[in-house]
Amino acid sequence: MKSIPKFKTRTAAAEFWETHSFEEFRKDTRKAEIVFVKKPKKTIALRLDPEDILSAEKIAEEKGLSYTALLRMWIRERLSQEHHRAT
């Protein structure tokens, strides 16, 4: 098997891999363990108007998100804005 060459640029690497199979260079690799750690979330209850929930659901659907993910994102953005304003 061949050895993976050293590339000077990302473009050179991309061009190389367009014309070569990774399978040719398997001996130059090793297994990697990837661990994703999710921050624990705390559940809260919010009382929202049904119209607000419908609006959030429609916007979230357009963005390809769940409405709860969209609301969490908006809350995080606003908290960040307020934090920056306070400092």
C-alpha atoms as a PDB file:
ATOM      1  CA  MET A   1       0.000   0.000   0.000  1.00  0.00           C
ATOM      2  CA  LYS A   2       1.022   3.592  -0.632  1.00  0.00           C
ATOM      3  CA  SER A   3       1.617   6.267   2.003  1.00  0.00           C
ATOM      4  CA  ILE A   4      -0.577   9.369   2.235  1.00  0.00           C
ATOM      5  CA  PRO A   5       1.470  12.269   0.846  1.00  0.00           C
ATOM      6  CA  LYS A   6       1.979  15.554   2.705  1.00  0.00           C
ATOM      7  CA  PHE A   7      -0.010  18.404   1.153  1.00  0.00           C
ATOM      8  CA  LYS A   8       1.019  22.058   1.100  1.00  0.00           C
ATOM      9  CA  THR A   9      -2.531  23.351   0.653  1.00  0.00           C
ATOM     10  CA  ARG A  10      -6.074  22.187   1.177  1.00  0.00           C
ATOM     11  CA  THR A  11      -6.635  22.615  -2.536  1.00  0.00           C
ATOM     12  CA  ALA A  12      -3.809  20.184  -3.283  1.00  0.00           C
ATOM     13  CA  ALA A  13      -5.307  17.686  -0.849  1.00  0.00           C
ATOM     14  CA  ALA A  14      -8.770  18.061  -2.377  1.00  0.00           C
ATOM     15  CA  GLU A  15      -7.397  17.554  -5.890  1.00  0.00           C
ATOM     16  CA  PHE A  16      -5.495  14.461  -4.764  1.00  0.00           C
ATOM     17  CA  TRP A  17      -8.515  12.840  -3.101  1.00  0.00           C
ATOM     18  CA  GLU A  18     -10.666  13.535  -6.165  1.00  0.00           C
ATOM     19  CA  THR A  19      -8.516  11.091  -8.109  1.00  0.00           C
ATOM     20  CA  HIS A  20      -7.478   8.570  -5.418  1.00  0.00           C
ATOM     21  CA  SER A  21      -9.290   6.046  -3.268  1.00  0.00           C
ATOM     22  CA  PHE A  22      -8.930   6.210   0.492  1.00  0.00           C
ATOM     23  CA  GLU A  23      -8.820   2.429   0.424  1.00  0.00           C
ATOM     24  CA  GLU A  24      -5.302   2.588  -1.086  1.00  0.00           C
ATOM     25  CA  PHE A  25      -4.024   4.287   2.078  1.00  0.00           C
ATOM     26  CA  ARG A  26      -5.773   2.337   4.824  1.00  0.00           C
ATOM     27  CA  LYS A  27      -2.487   1.303   6.470  1.00  0.00           C
ATOM     28  CA  ASP A  28      -1.700   4.994   7.192  1.00  0.00           C
ATOM     29  CA  THR A  29      -4.800   5.369   9.332  1.00  0.00           C
ATOM     30  CA  ARG A  30      -5.863   4.410  12.800  1.00  0.00           C
ATOM     31  CA  LYS A  31      -9.192   4.144  14.525  1.00  0.00           C
ATOM     32  CA  ALA A  32     -10.453   7.238  16.259  1.00  0.00           C
ATOM     33  CA  GLU A  33     -13.012   7.334  19.006  1.00  0.00           C
ATOM     34  CA  ILE A  34     -15.333  10.304  18.867  1.00  0.00           C
ATOM     35  CA  VAL A  35     -17.425  11.142  21.882  1.00  0.00           C
ATOM     36  CA  PHE A  36     -20.151  13.765  21.746  1.00  0.00           C
ATOM     37  CA  VAL A  37     -21.136  15.226  25.075  1.00  0.00           C
ATOM     38  CA  LYS A  38     -24.466  16.959  25.343  1.00  0.00           C
ATOM     39  CA  LYS A  39     -24.904  19.523  28.052  1.00  0.00           C
ATOM     40  CA  PRO A  40     -27.688  18.462  30.365  1.00  0.00           C
ATOM     41  CA  LYS A  41     -30.779  20.586  29.985  1.00  0.00           C
ATOM     42  CA  LYS A  42     -33.226  21.534  32.678  1.00  0.00           C
ATOM     43  CA  THR A  43     -36.905  21.199  31.887  1.00  0.00           C
ATOM     44  CA  ILE A  44     -39.122  24.196  32.532  1.00  0.00           C
ATOM     45  CA  ALA A  45     -42.767  24.914  31.835  1.00  0.00           C
ATOM     46  CA  LEU A  46     -43.772  27.997  29.885  1.00  0.00           C
ATOM     47  CA  ARG A  47     -47.306  29.145  29.320  1.00  0.00           C
ATOM     48  CA  LEU A  48     -47.581  30.596  25.824  1.00  0.00           C
ATOM     49  CA  ASP A  49     -50.550  31.793  23.820  1.00  0.00           C
ATOM     50  CA  PRO A  50     -51.650  29.182  21.282  1.00  0.00           C
ATOM     51  CA  GLU A  51     -51.168  31.736  18.480  1.00  0.00           C
ATOM     52  CA  ASP A  52     -47.543  32.243  19.534  1.00  0.00           C
ATOM     53  CA  ILE A  53     -46.930  28.513  19.472  1.00  0.00           C
ATOM     54  CA  LEU A  54     -48.475  28.229  15.995  1.00  0.00           C
ATOM     55  CA  SER A  55     -46.287  31.087  14.763  1.00  0.00           C
ATOM     56  CA  ALA A  56     -43.185  29.450  16.229  1.00  0.00           C
ATOM     57  CA  GLU A  57     -44.126  26.109  14.652  1.00  0.00           C
ATOM     58  CA  LYS A  58     -44.536  27.698  11.195  1.00  0.00           C
ATOM     59  CA  ILE A  59     -41.226  29.586  11.406  1.00  0.00           C
ATOM     60  CA  ALA A  60     -39.432  26.515  12.742  1.00  0.00           C
ATOM     61  CA  GLU A  61     -40.802  24.343   9.933  1.00  0.00           C
ATOM     62  CA  GLU A  62     -39.503  26.834   7.339  1.00  0.00           C
ATOM     63  CA  LYS A  63     -36.073  26.630   8.993  1.00  0.00           C
ATOM     64  CA  GLY A  64     -36.128  22.827   9.295  1.00  0.00           C
ATOM     65  CA  LEU A  65     -36.165  22.906  13.102  1.00  0.00           C
ATOM     66  CA  SER A  66     -38.490  21.797  15.837  1.00  0.00           C
ATOM     67  CA  TYR A  67     -40.312  24.713  17.411  1.00  0.00           C
ATOM     68  CA  THR A  68     -38.733  23.952  20.776  1.00  0.00           C
ATOM     69  CA  ALA A  69     -35.242  24.101  19.242  1.00  0.00           C
ATOM     70  CA  LEU A  70     -36.150  27.427  17.611  1.00  0.00           C
ATOM     71  CA  LEU A  71     -37.429  28.857  20.882  1.00  0.00           C
ATOM     72  CA  ARG A  72     -34.273  27.700  22.725  1.00  0.00           C
ATOM     73  CA  MET A  73     -32.137  29.319  20.018  1.00  0.00           C
ATOM     74  CA  TRP A  74     -34.068  32.605  20.293  1.00  0.00           C
ATOM     75  CA  ILE A  75     -33.807  32.608  24.078  1.00  0.00           C
ATOM     76  CA  ARG A  76     -30.059  31.943  23.923  1.00  0.00           C
ATOM     77  CA  GLU A  77     -29.595  34.751  21.354  1.00  0.00           C
ATOM     78  CA  ARG A  78     -31.533  37.235  23.457  1.00  0.00           C
ATOM     79  CA  LEU A  79     -29.715  36.275  26.652  1.00  0.00           C
ATOM     80  CA  SER A  80     -26.416  36.807  24.845  1.00  0.00           C
ATOM     81  CA  GLN A  81     -27.556  40.236  23.630  1.00  0.00           C
ATOM     82  CA  GLU A  82     -28.615  41.257  27.119  1.00  0.00           C
ATOM     83  CA  HIS A  83     -25.365  39.960  28.592  1.00  0.00           C
ATOM     84  CA  HIS A  84     -23.311  42.030  26.115  1.00  0.00           C
ATOM     85  CA  ARG A  85     -25.466  45.084  26.780  1.00  0.00           C
ATOM     86  CA  ALA A  86     -24.955  44.725  30.543  1.00  0.00           C
ATOM     87  CA  THR A  87     -21.153  44.445  30.304  1.00  0.00           C
END
